[in-house]
């Protein structure tokens, strides 16, 4: 299996895990304020990675690329700031809009990433990728858009798309410069610190979750945060930011699939067509990435300090 294919598979797994979280976050949003939810989610995620860090001094997968060293904690803090902005805006959005609409607006980062790369970095992108973008947006609209007037939650979800596009682009630039496990933990600890500061200022009297929140919090923290952030860090060493944004557009498709498997919710012909368009767009973008690789293949990892 080529490094590029492995990176694609890791990012697809990330979207599958994310697809199971919209309903969970919406349920927890009724039990916890957004700042407290994020603070506990990332504290659980950070604690989940500590045993792995204690058991191994180096990751054998996703080794850091050769090149000038970058400050680990500085990059972790930068990415942590992007992450808490993304998770915070999404959590607030889910309090005032539906999960489907939030998924649609959030997934618009699929368009923002290549636009950002082209306008800000003047990076040429293959024509096949530009062809895939309208297919992905059209598919997302068919799958998730419910119509109706805009509400404030939709604007928060759009803000989430912007911040997550920034995270994807910065992660592409920094992921190959650090050992995967340590860099993931640095990101999670940065978000944890920022989230607890937010929670202490905004909700000082509501910091302890009720008993019914612990199960969903453990799932979000371990599977949908610690595991997904680590897989993203490894996967985006092998996959360009523009390709990654297309793969992440599969998240609403995964959410619809989990809704059908777990609670029997059907999306109908319109939704099925939308999901198919997103899958086709992702495959088209993946072929463009294979033909025009934009990220270097990672080299052997230097010894851990």
C-alpha atoms as a PDB file:
ATOM      1  CA  UNK A   1       0.000   0.000   0.000  1.00  0.00           C
ATOM      2  CA  UNK A   2       1.407   3.400  -0.988  1.00  0.00           C
ATOM      3  CA  UNK A   3       1.819   6.121   1.669  1.00  0.00           C
ATOM      4  CA  UNK A   4      -0.786   8.212  -0.190  1.00  0.00           C
ATOM      5  CA  UNK A   5      -3.362   5.406  -0.112  1.00  0.00           C
ATOM      6  CA  UNK A   6      -2.686   4.755   3.570  1.00  0.00           C
ATOM      7  CA  UNK A   7      -3.202   8.454   4.307  1.00  0.00           C
ATOM      8  CA  UNK A   8      -6.522   8.425   2.428  1.00  0.00           C
ATOM      9  CA  UNK A   9      -7.754   5.387   4.362  1.00  0.00           C
ATOM     10  CA  UNK A  10      -6.821   6.964   7.694  1.00  0.00           C
ATOM     11  CA  UNK A  11      -8.729  10.153   6.844  1.00  0.00           C
ATOM     12  CA  UNK A  12     -11.767   8.152   5.669  1.00  0.00           C
ATOM     13  CA  UNK A  13     -11.731   6.394   9.057  1.00  0.00           C
ATOM     14  CA  UNK A  14     -11.666   9.824  10.706  1.00  0.00           C
ATOM     15  CA  UNK A  15     -14.816  10.865   8.826  1.00  0.00           C
ATOM     16  CA  UNK A  16     -16.568   7.645   9.846  1.00  0.00           C
ATOM     17  CA  UNK A  17     -15.855   8.359  13.501  1.00  0.00           C
ATOM     18  CA  UNK A  18     -16.934  11.979  13.107  1.00  0.00           C
ATOM     19  CA  UNK A  19     -20.146  10.888  11.408  1.00  0.00           C
ATOM     20  CA  UNK A  20     -21.290   9.228  14.618  1.00  0.00           C
ATOM     21  CA  UNK A  21     -20.842  12.340  16.765  1.00  0.00           C
ATOM     22  CA  UNK A  22     -23.405  14.920  15.621  1.00  0.00           C
ATOM     23  CA  UNK A  23     -26.286  13.355  17.508  1.00  0.00           C
ATOM     24  CA  UNK A  24     -24.048  12.735  20.543  1.00  0.00           C
ATOM     25  CA  UNK A  25     -22.884  16.364  20.683  1.00  0.00           C
ATOM     26  CA  UNK A  26     -26.451  17.613  20.241  1.00  0.00           C
ATOM     27  CA  UNK A  27     -27.595  15.392  23.136  1.00  0.00           C
ATOM     28  CA  UNK A  28     -24.733  16.549  25.369  1.00  0.00           C
ATOM     29  CA  UNK A  29     -25.477  20.165  24.450  1.00  0.00           C
ATOM     30  CA  UNK A  30     -28.709  19.801  26.419  1.00  0.00           C
ATOM     31  CA  UNK A  31     -26.777  18.651  29.502  1.00  0.00           C
ATOM     32  CA  UNK A  32     -23.631  20.811  29.418  1.00  0.00           C
ATOM     33  CA  UNK A  33     -22.724  24.359  28.331  1.00  0.00           C
ATOM     34  CA  UNK A  34     -20.502  24.404  25.201  1.00  0.00           C
ATOM     35  CA  UNK A  35     -17.335  25.477  27.052  1.00  0.00           C
ATOM     36  CA  UNK A  36     -17.721  22.761  29.694  1.00  0.00           C
ATOM     37  CA  UNK A  37     -18.490  20.103  27.083  1.00  0.00           C
ATOM     38  CA  UNK A  38     -15.342  20.937  25.104  1.00  0.00           C
ATOM     39  CA  UNK A  39     -13.193  21.182  28.243  1.00  0.00           C
ATOM     40  CA  UNK A  40     -14.154  17.688  29.422  1.00  0.00           C
ATOM     41  CA  UNK A  41     -14.030  16.236  25.901  1.00  0.00           C
ATOM     42  CA  UNK A  42     -10.430  17.314  25.397  1.00  0.00           C
ATOM     43  CA  UNK A  43      -9.338  16.502  28.940  1.00  0.00           C
ATOM     44  CA  UNK A  44     -10.587  12.943  28.393  1.00  0.00           C
ATOM     45  CA  UNK A  45      -8.802  12.850  25.015  1.00  0.00           C
ATOM     46  CA  UNK A  46      -5.515  14.057  26.521  1.00  0.00           C
ATOM     47  CA  UNK A  47      -5.676  11.519  29.351  1.00  0.00           C
ATOM     48  CA  UNK A  48      -6.444   8.761  26.829  1.00  0.00           C
ATOM     49  CA  UNK A  49      -3.154   9.425  25.003  1.00  0.00           C
ATOM     50  CA  UNK A  50      -0.940   9.542  28.093  1.00  0.00           C
ATOM     51  CA  UNK A  51      -0.616   5.734  28.504  1.00  0.00           C
ATOM     52  CA  UNK A  52       0.437   5.381  24.858  1.00  0.00           C
ATOM     53  CA  UNK A  53       3.023   8.105  25.325  1.00  0.00           C
ATOM     54  CA  UNK A  54       4.340   6.397  28.441  1.00  0.00           C
ATOM     55  CA  UNK A  55       4.633   3.013  26.709  1.00  0.00           C
ATOM     56  CA  UNK A  56       6.485   4.167  23.631  1.00  0.00           C
ATOM     57  CA  UNK A  57       9.236   6.686  22.991  1.00  0.00           C
ATOM     58  CA  UNK A  58       8.631   6.829  19.266  1.00  0.00           C
ATOM     59  CA  UNK A  59       5.875   6.215  16.735  1.00  0.00           C
ATOM     60  CA  UNK A  60       6.701   3.726  14.002  1.00  0.00           C
ATOM     61  CA  UNK A  61       3.902   4.998  11.748  1.00  0.00           C
ATOM     62  CA  UNK A  62       3.837   8.490  10.321  1.00  0.00           C
ATOM     63  CA  UNK A  63       7.456   9.284  11.140  1.00  0.00           C
ATOM     64  CA  UNK A  64       8.419  12.921  11.059  1.00  0.00           C
ATOM     65  CA  UNK A  65       9.974  14.247   7.879  1.00  0.00           C
ATOM     66  CA  UNK A  66      13.517  15.475   7.744  1.00  0.00           C
ATOM     67  CA  UNK A  67      14.032  19.214   7.695  1.00  0.00           C
ATOM     68  CA  UNK A  68      14.493  22.114  10.087  1.00  0.00           C
ATOM     69  CA  UNK A  69      13.023  21.481  13.519  1.00  0.00           C
ATOM     70  CA  UNK A  70       9.938  23.474  14.553  1.00  0.00           C
ATOM     71  CA  UNK A  71       8.903  24.235  18.150  1.00  0.00           C
ATOM     72  CA  UNK A  72       6.500  21.457  19.137  1.00  0.00           C
ATOM     73  CA  UNK A  73       4.482  23.380  21.693  1.00  0.00           C
ATOM     74  CA  UNK A  74       4.234  26.509  19.562  1.00  0.00           C
ATOM     75  CA  UNK A  75       2.757  24.519  16.669  1.00  0.00           C
ATOM     76  CA  UNK A  76       0.551  22.598  19.088  1.00  0.00           C
ATOM     77  CA  UNK A  77      -0.798  25.846  20.526  1.00  0.00           C
ATOM     78  CA  UNK A  78      -1.478  27.298  17.064  1.00  0.00           C
ATOM     79  CA  UNK A  79      -3.376  24.197  15.978  1.00  0.00           C
ATOM     80  CA  UNK A  80      -5.093  24.025  19.354  1.00  0.00           C
ATOM     81  CA  UNK A  81      -6.413  27.554  18.838  1.00  0.00           C
ATOM     82  CA  UNK A  82      -7.816  26.572  15.416  1.00  0.00           C
ATOM     83  CA  UNK A  83      -9.297  23.406  16.917  1.00  0.00           C
ATOM     84  CA  UNK A  84     -11.056  25.051  19.856  1.00  0.00           C
ATOM     85  CA  UNK A  85     -12.490  27.658  17.478  1.00  0.00           C
ATOM     86  CA  UNK A  86     -13.815  24.873  15.244  1.00  0.00           C
ATOM     87  CA  UNK A  87     -15.206  22.661  18.002  1.00  0.00           C
ATOM     88  CA  UNK A  88     -16.573  25.654  19.911  1.00  0.00           C
ATOM     89  CA  UNK A  89     -18.482  27.127  16.971  1.00  0.00           C
ATOM     90  CA  UNK A  90     -19.847  23.702  16.013  1.00  0.00           C
ATOM     91  CA  UNK A  91     -21.018  22.955  19.560  1.00  0.00           C
ATOM     92  CA  UNK A  92     -22.757  26.342  19.798  1.00  0.00           C
ATOM     93  CA  UNK A  93     -24.297  25.836  16.346  1.00  0.00           C
ATOM     94  CA  UNK A  94     -25.853  22.517  17.365  1.00  0.00           C
ATOM     95  CA  UNK A  95     -27.760  24.270  20.153  1.00  0.00           C
ATOM     96  CA  UNK A  96     -29.761  26.401  17.728  1.00  0.00           C
ATOM     97  CA  UNK A  97     -29.849  24.494  14.431  1.00  0.00           C
ATOM     98  CA  UNK A  98     -30.425  20.894  13.366  1.00  0.00           C
ATOM     99  CA  UNK A  99     -27.620  18.340  13.108  1.00  0.00           C
ATOM    100  CA  UNK A 100     -28.185  18.000   9.342  1.00  0.00           C
ATOM    101  CA  UNK A 101     -27.951  21.731   8.682  1.00  0.00           C
ATOM    102  CA  UNK A 102     -24.884  22.027  10.901  1.00  0.00           C
ATOM    103  CA  UNK A 103     -23.264  19.152   9.008  1.00  0.00           C
ATOM    104  CA  UNK A 104     -23.967  20.867   5.683  1.00  0.00           C
ATOM    105  CA  UNK A 105     -22.538  24.256   6.638  1.00  0.00           C
ATOM    106  CA  UNK A 106     -19.551  22.752   8.438  1.00  0.00           C
ATOM    107  CA  UNK A 107     -18.706  20.625   5.409  1.00  0.00           C
ATOM    108  CA  UNK A 108     -18.450  23.756   3.243  1.00  0.00           C
ATOM    109  CA  UNK A 109     -14.801  23.797   4.304  1.00  0.00           C
ATOM    110  CA  UNK A 110     -14.458  21.480   1.281  1.00  0.00           C
ATOM    111  CA  UNK A 111     -14.663  24.650  -0.849  1.00  0.00           C
ATOM    112  CA  UNK A 112     -12.874  27.032   1.503  1.00  0.00           C
ATOM    113  CA  UNK A 113      -9.647  25.016   1.662  1.00  0.00           C
ATOM    114  CA  UNK A 114      -8.831  25.020  -2.082  1.00  0.00           C
ATOM    115  CA  UNK A 115      -9.943  28.665  -2.370  1.00  0.00           C
ATOM    116  CA  UNK A 116      -7.638  29.561   0.498  1.00  0.00           C
ATOM    117  CA  UNK A 117      -4.743  27.642  -1.061  1.00  0.00           C
ATOM    118  CA  UNK A 118      -5.280  29.272  -4.443  1.00  0.00           C
ATOM    119  CA  UNK A 119      -5.873  32.879  -3.357  1.00  0.00           C
ATOM    120  CA  UNK A 120      -3.585  33.146  -0.326  1.00  0.00           C
ATOM    121  CA  UNK A 121      -0.789  30.753  -1.268  1.00  0.00           C
ATOM    122  CA  UNK A 122      -1.225  30.921  -5.061  1.00  0.00           C
ATOM    123  CA  UNK A 123      -0.973  27.152  -5.200  1.00  0.00           C
ATOM    124  CA  UNK A 124      -2.107  25.662  -8.539  1.00  0.00           C
ATOM    125  CA  UNK A 125      -4.638  22.876  -8.101  1.00  0.00           C
ATOM    126  CA  UNK A 126      -5.516  20.211 -10.717  1.00  0.00           C
ATOM    127  CA  UNK A 127      -8.635  20.752 -12.812  1.00  0.00           C
ATOM    128  CA  UNK A 128     -10.131  17.472 -11.601  1.00  0.00           C
ATOM    129  CA  UNK A 129     -10.170  18.845  -8.063  1.00  0.00           C
ATOM    130  CA  UNK A 130     -12.041  21.959  -9.170  1.00  0.00           C
ATOM    131  CA  UNK A 131     -14.537  19.717 -10.971  1.00  0.00           C
ATOM    132  CA  UNK A 132     -15.006  17.702  -7.789  1.00  0.00           C
ATOM    133  CA  UNK A 133     -15.871  20.744  -5.652  1.00  0.00           C
ATOM    134  CA  UNK A 134     -19.307  21.614  -7.135  1.00  0.00           C
ATOM    135  CA  UNK A 135     -20.176  17.913  -7.143  1.00  0.00           C
ATOM    136  CA  UNK A 136     -19.353  17.729  -3.432  1.00  0.00           C
ATOM    137  CA  UNK A 137     -21.319  20.872  -2.536  1.00  0.00           C
ATOM    138  CA  UNK A 138     -24.312  19.746  -4.603  1.00  0.00           C
ATOM    139  CA  UNK A 139     -24.203  16.339  -2.955  1.00  0.00           C
ATOM    140  CA  UNK A 140     -23.979  17.877   0.504  1.00  0.00           C
ATOM    141  CA  UNK A 141     -26.999  20.070  -0.240  1.00  0.00           C
ATOM    142  CA  UNK A 142     -29.070  17.100  -1.407  1.00  0.00           C
ATOM    143  CA  UNK A 143     -28.015  15.035   1.579  1.00  0.00           C
ATOM    144  CA  UNK A 144     -28.230  17.541   4.434  1.00  0.00           C
ATOM    145  CA  UNK A 145     -29.971  20.775   3.461  1.00  0.00           C
ATOM    146  CA  UNK A 146     -33.439  20.954   5.012  1.00  0.00           C
ATOM    147  CA  UNK A 147     -34.524  24.333   3.672  1.00  0.00           C
ATOM    148  CA  UNK A 148     -36.075  27.067   5.751  1.00  0.00           C
ATOM    149  CA  UNK A 149     -34.863  30.458   6.902  1.00  0.00           C
ATOM    150  CA  UNK A 150     -31.345  31.005   8.171  1.00  0.00           C
ATOM    151  CA  UNK A 151     -30.967  30.888  11.946  1.00  0.00           C
ATOM    152  CA  UNK A 152     -28.110  32.006  14.161  1.00  0.00           C
ATOM    153  CA  UNK A 153     -26.893  28.408  14.466  1.00  0.00           C
ATOM    154  CA  UNK A 154     -26.268  28.331  10.706  1.00  0.00           C
ATOM    155  CA  UNK A 155     -23.894  31.291  11.037  1.00  0.00           C
ATOM    156  CA  UNK A 156     -22.018  29.533  13.837  1.00  0.00           C
ATOM    157  CA  UNK A 157     -21.745  26.443  11.606  1.00  0.00           C
ATOM    158  CA  UNK A 158     -20.347  28.613   8.792  1.00  0.00           C
ATOM    159  CA  UNK A 159     -17.800  29.978  11.243  1.00  0.00           C
ATOM    160  CA  UNK A 160     -16.904  26.384  12.056  1.00  0.00           C
ATOM    161  CA  UNK A 161     -16.261  25.737   8.347  1.00  0.00           C
ATOM    162  CA  UNK A 162     -13.894  28.710   8.168  1.00  0.00           C
ATOM    163  CA  UNK A 163     -11.945  27.758  11.285  1.00  0.00           C
ATOM    164  CA  UNK A 164     -11.710  24.110  10.300  1.00  0.00           C
ATOM    165  CA  UNK A 165     -10.425  25.054   6.858  1.00  0.00           C
ATOM    166  CA  UNK A 166      -7.676  26.979   8.633  1.00  0.00           C
ATOM    167  CA  UNK A 167      -6.879  23.970  10.800  1.00  0.00           C
ATOM    168  CA  UNK A 168      -6.599  21.657   7.765  1.00  0.00           C
ATOM    169  CA  UNK A 169      -4.184  24.000   5.997  1.00  0.00           C
ATOM    170  CA  UNK A 170      -1.969  24.611   9.049  1.00  0.00           C
ATOM    171  CA  UNK A 171      -1.919  20.877   9.860  1.00  0.00           C
ATOM    172  CA  UNK A 172      -0.684  20.089   6.338  1.00  0.00           C
ATOM    173  CA  UNK A 173       2.277  22.428   6.874  1.00  0.00           C
ATOM    174  CA  UNK A 174       3.222  21.263  10.378  1.00  0.00           C
ATOM    175  CA  UNK A 175       2.269  17.582  10.667  1.00  0.00           C
ATOM    176  CA  UNK A 176       5.370  16.235   8.931  1.00  0.00           C
ATOM    177  CA  UNK A 177       7.688  18.247  11.184  1.00  0.00           C
ATOM    178  CA  UNK A 178       6.863  16.476  14.442  1.00  0.00           C
ATOM    179  CA  UNK A 179       6.570  12.980  15.871  1.00  0.00           C
ATOM    180  CA  UNK A 180       2.900  12.051  15.565  1.00  0.00           C
ATOM    181  CA  UNK A 181       1.943  11.056  19.101  1.00  0.00           C
ATOM    182  CA  UNK A 182       3.707  13.948  20.830  1.00  0.00           C
ATOM    183  CA  UNK A 183       2.322  16.469  18.344  1.00  0.00           C
ATOM    184  CA  UNK A 184      -1.208  15.136  18.764  1.00  0.00           C
ATOM    185  CA  UNK A 185      -0.916  15.391  22.537  1.00  0.00           C
ATOM    186  CA  UNK A 186       0.428  18.938  22.228  1.00  0.00           C
ATOM    187  CA  UNK A 187      -2.660  19.917  20.212  1.00  0.00           C
ATOM    188  CA  UNK A 188      -5.048  18.266  22.668  1.00  0.00           C
ATOM    189  CA  UNK A 189      -3.386  19.809  25.722  1.00  0.00           C
ATOM    190  CA  UNK A 190      -3.523  23.247  24.105  1.00  0.00           C
ATOM    191  CA  UNK A 191      -7.253  22.894  23.474  1.00  0.00           C
ATOM    192  CA  UNK A 192      -7.780  21.513  26.994  1.00  0.00           C
ATOM    193  CA  UNK A 193      -6.073  24.528  28.582  1.00  0.00           C
ATOM    194  CA  UNK A 194      -7.946  27.028  26.410  1.00  0.00           C
ATOM    195  CA  UNK A 195     -11.284  25.258  26.945  1.00  0.00           C
ATOM    196  CA  UNK A 196     -10.928  25.137  30.731  1.00  0.00           C
ATOM    197  CA  UNK A 197     -10.042  28.824  30.823  1.00  0.00           C
ATOM    198  CA  UNK A 198     -13.196  29.505  28.774  1.00  0.00           C
ATOM    199  CA  UNK A 199     -15.309  27.242  30.999  1.00  0.00           C
ATOM    200  CA  UNK A 200     -14.035  28.796  34.240  1.00  0.00           C
ATOM    201  CA  UNK A 201     -14.841  32.288  32.972  1.00  0.00           C
ATOM    202  CA  UNK A 202     -18.184  31.489  31.317  1.00  0.00           C
ATOM    203  CA  UNK A 203     -19.719  28.722  33.448  1.00  0.00           C
ATOM    204  CA  UNK A 204     -17.975  28.574  36.844  1.00  0.00           C
ATOM    205  CA  UNK A 205     -21.002  26.999  38.528  1.00  0.00           C
ATOM    206  CA  UNK A 206     -21.648  24.228  35.962  1.00  0.00           C
ATOM    207  CA  UNK A 207     -18.283  22.504  35.620  1.00  0.00           C
ATOM    208  CA  UNK A 208     -19.204  18.986  36.800  1.00  0.00           C
ATOM    209  CA  UNK A 209     -21.129  16.843  34.263  1.00  0.00           C
ATOM    210  CA  UNK A 210     -24.302  14.996  35.331  1.00  0.00           C
ATOM    211  CA  UNK A 211     -24.148  11.204  35.521  1.00  0.00           C
ATOM    212  CA  UNK A 212     -25.838  10.742  32.144  1.00  0.00           C
ATOM    213  CA  UNK A 213     -23.140  12.729  30.340  1.00  0.00           C
ATOM    214  CA  UNK A 214     -20.147  10.531  31.186  1.00  0.00           C
ATOM    215  CA  UNK A 215     -20.763   7.766  28.647  1.00  0.00           C
ATOM    216  CA  UNK A 216     -21.098  10.135  25.664  1.00  0.00           C
ATOM    217  CA  UNK A 217     -18.155  12.214  26.953  1.00  0.00           C
ATOM    218  CA  UNK A 218     -15.892   9.155  27.107  1.00  0.00           C
ATOM    219  CA  UNK A 219     -16.850   8.203  23.547  1.00  0.00           C
ATOM    220  CA  UNK A 220     -16.295  11.735  22.251  1.00  0.00           C
ATOM    221  CA  UNK A 221     -13.024  12.127  24.100  1.00  0.00           C
ATOM    222  CA  UNK A 222     -11.397   8.799  23.252  1.00  0.00           C
ATOM    223  CA  UNK A 223     -12.747   7.732  19.851  1.00  0.00           C
ATOM    224  CA  UNK A 224     -13.913  10.991  18.276  1.00  0.00           C
ATOM    225  CA  UNK A 225     -11.125  13.256  19.562  1.00  0.00           C
ATOM    226  CA  UNK A 226      -7.944  11.437  20.670  1.00  0.00           C
ATOM    227  CA  UNK A 227      -8.063   8.796  17.933  1.00  0.00           C
ATOM    228  CA  UNK A 228      -9.284  11.104  15.159  1.00  0.00           C
ATOM    229  CA  UNK A 229      -6.737  13.849  15.924  1.00  0.00           C
ATOM    230  CA  UNK A 230      -3.900  11.305  15.874  1.00  0.00           C
ATOM    231  CA  UNK A 231      -5.132   9.771  12.609  1.00  0.00           C
ATOM    232  CA  UNK A 232      -5.457  13.246  11.066  1.00  0.00           C
ATOM    233  CA  UNK A 233      -1.922  14.135  12.072  1.00  0.00           C
ATOM    234  CA  UNK A 234      -0.575  10.961  10.464  1.00  0.00           C
ATOM    235  CA  UNK A 235      -2.904  11.028   7.435  1.00  0.00           C
ATOM    236  CA  UNK A 236      -2.242  14.628   6.420  1.00  0.00           C
ATOM    237  CA  UNK A 237       1.450  13.900   6.109  1.00  0.00           C
ATOM    238  CA  UNK A 238       0.556  11.884   3.036  1.00  0.00           C
ATOM    239  CA  UNK A 239      -2.514  13.720   1.703  1.00  0.00           C
ATOM    240  CA  UNK A 240      -2.722  17.367   0.613  1.00  0.00           C
ATOM    241  CA  UNK A 241      -4.994  19.832   2.397  1.00  0.00           C
ATOM    242  CA  UNK A 242      -7.261  20.151  -0.669  1.00  0.00           C
ATOM    243  CA  UNK A 243      -7.677  16.367  -0.915  1.00  0.00           C
ATOM    244  CA  UNK A 244      -8.251  16.095   2.819  1.00  0.00           C
ATOM    245  CA  UNK A 245     -11.059  18.663   2.695  1.00  0.00           C
ATOM    246  CA  UNK A 246     -12.838  16.557   0.069  1.00  0.00           C
ATOM    247  CA  UNK A 247     -12.475  13.424   2.174  1.00  0.00           C
ATOM    248  CA  UNK A 248     -13.888  15.253   5.193  1.00  0.00           C
ATOM    249  CA  UNK A 249     -16.964  16.053   3.088  1.00  0.00           C
ATOM    250  CA  UNK A 250     -17.835  12.381   3.567  1.00  0.00           C
ATOM    251  CA  UNK A 251     -18.757  13.162   7.179  1.00  0.00           C
ATOM    252  CA  UNK A 252     -22.476  13.847   6.489  1.00  0.00           C
ATOM    253  CA  UNK A 253     -22.584  10.651   4.395  1.00  0.00           C
ATOM    254  CA  UNK A 254     -21.186   8.723   7.337  1.00  0.00           C
ATOM    255  CA  UNK A 255     -23.663  10.453   9.656  1.00  0.00           C
ATOM    256  CA  UNK A 256     -26.565   9.368   7.435  1.00  0.00           C
ATOM    257  CA  UNK A 257     -25.206   5.811   7.320  1.00  0.00           C
ATOM    258  CA  UNK A 258     -24.948   5.612  11.122  1.00  0.00           C
ATOM    259  CA  UNK A 259     -28.454   7.056  11.484  1.00  0.00           C
ATOM    260  CA  UNK A 260     -29.793   4.284   9.258  1.00  0.00           C
ATOM    261  CA  UNK A 261     -27.839   1.480  10.945  1.00  0.00           C
ATOM    262  CA  UNK A 262     -28.415   2.578  14.538  1.00  0.00           C
ATOM    263  CA  UNK A 263     -31.897   4.096  14.591  1.00  0.00           C
ATOM    264  CA  UNK A 264     -33.379   3.101  11.223  1.00  0.00           C
ATOM    265  CA  UNK A 265     -33.574   6.663   9.902  1.00  0.00           C
ATOM    266  CA  UNK A 266     -33.896   6.744   6.113  1.00  0.00           C
ATOM    267  CA  UNK A 267     -32.621   9.535   3.902  1.00  0.00           C
ATOM    268  CA  UNK A 268     -34.735   8.808   0.809  1.00  0.00           C
ATOM    269  CA  UNK A 269     -33.806   9.006  -2.870  1.00  0.00           C
ATOM    270  CA  UNK A 270     -32.710  12.657  -2.665  1.00  0.00           C
ATOM    271  CA  UNK A 271     -30.337  11.955   0.198  1.00  0.00           C
ATOM    272  CA  UNK A 272     -28.988   8.808  -1.458  1.00  0.00           C
ATOM    273  CA  UNK A 273     -28.229  10.770  -4.638  1.00  0.00           C
ATOM    274  CA  UNK A 274     -26.485  13.448  -2.578  1.00  0.00           C
ATOM    275  CA  UNK A 275     -24.361  10.861  -0.815  1.00  0.00           C
ATOM    276  CA  UNK A 276     -23.433   9.310  -4.150  1.00  0.00           C
ATOM    277  CA  UNK A 277     -22.330  12.700  -5.532  1.00  0.00           C
ATOM    278  CA  UNK A 278     -20.111  13.298  -2.497  1.00  0.00           C
ATOM    279  CA  UNK A 279     -18.505   9.869  -2.912  1.00  0.00           C
ATOM    280  CA  UNK A 280     -17.914  10.505  -6.637  1.00  0.00           C
ATOM    281  CA  UNK A 281     -16.403  13.917  -5.845  1.00  0.00           C
ATOM    282  CA  UNK A 282     -14.103  12.356  -3.257  1.00  0.00           C
ATOM    283  CA  UNK A 283     -12.921   9.683  -5.685  1.00  0.00           C
ATOM    284  CA  UNK A 284     -12.330  12.332  -8.345  1.00  0.00           C
ATOM    285  CA  UNK A 285     -10.327  14.444  -5.930  1.00  0.00           C
ATOM    286  CA  UNK A 286      -8.325  11.410  -4.834  1.00  0.00           C
ATOM    287  CA  UNK A 287      -7.378  10.629  -8.447  1.00  0.00           C
ATOM    288  CA  UNK A 288      -6.320  14.243  -8.904  1.00  0.00           C
ATOM    289  CA  UNK A 289      -4.143  13.940  -5.815  1.00  0.00           C
ATOM    290  CA  UNK A 290      -2.447  10.811  -7.117  1.00  0.00           C
ATOM    291  CA  UNK A 291      -1.708  12.498 -10.427  1.00  0.00           C
ATOM    292  CA  UNK A 292      -0.505  15.756  -8.829  1.00  0.00           C
ATOM    293  CA  UNK A 293       0.990  14.995  -5.416  1.00  0.00           C
ATOM    294  CA  UNK A 294       1.322  18.140  -3.307  1.00  0.00           C
ATOM    295  CA  UNK A 295       2.872  16.790  -0.112  1.00  0.00           C
ATOM    296  CA  UNK A 296       6.198  15.038   0.295  1.00  0.00           C
ATOM    297  CA  UNK A 297       6.460  11.446   1.344  1.00  0.00           C
ATOM    298  CA  UNK A 298       7.556  11.360   4.990  1.00  0.00           C
ATOM    299  CA  UNK A 299      11.089  10.308   5.780  1.00  0.00           C
ATOM    300  CA  UNK A 300      12.506   8.373   8.680  1.00  0.00           C
ATOM    301  CA  UNK A 301      11.861   9.822  12.116  1.00  0.00           C
ATOM    302  CA  UNK A 302      14.735  11.206  14.133  1.00  0.00           C
ATOM    303  CA  UNK A 303      15.324   9.831  17.610  1.00  0.00           C
ATOM    304  CA  UNK A 304      13.038  11.216  20.293  1.00  0.00           C
ATOM    305  CA  UNK A 305      14.709  13.492  22.818  1.00  0.00           C
END
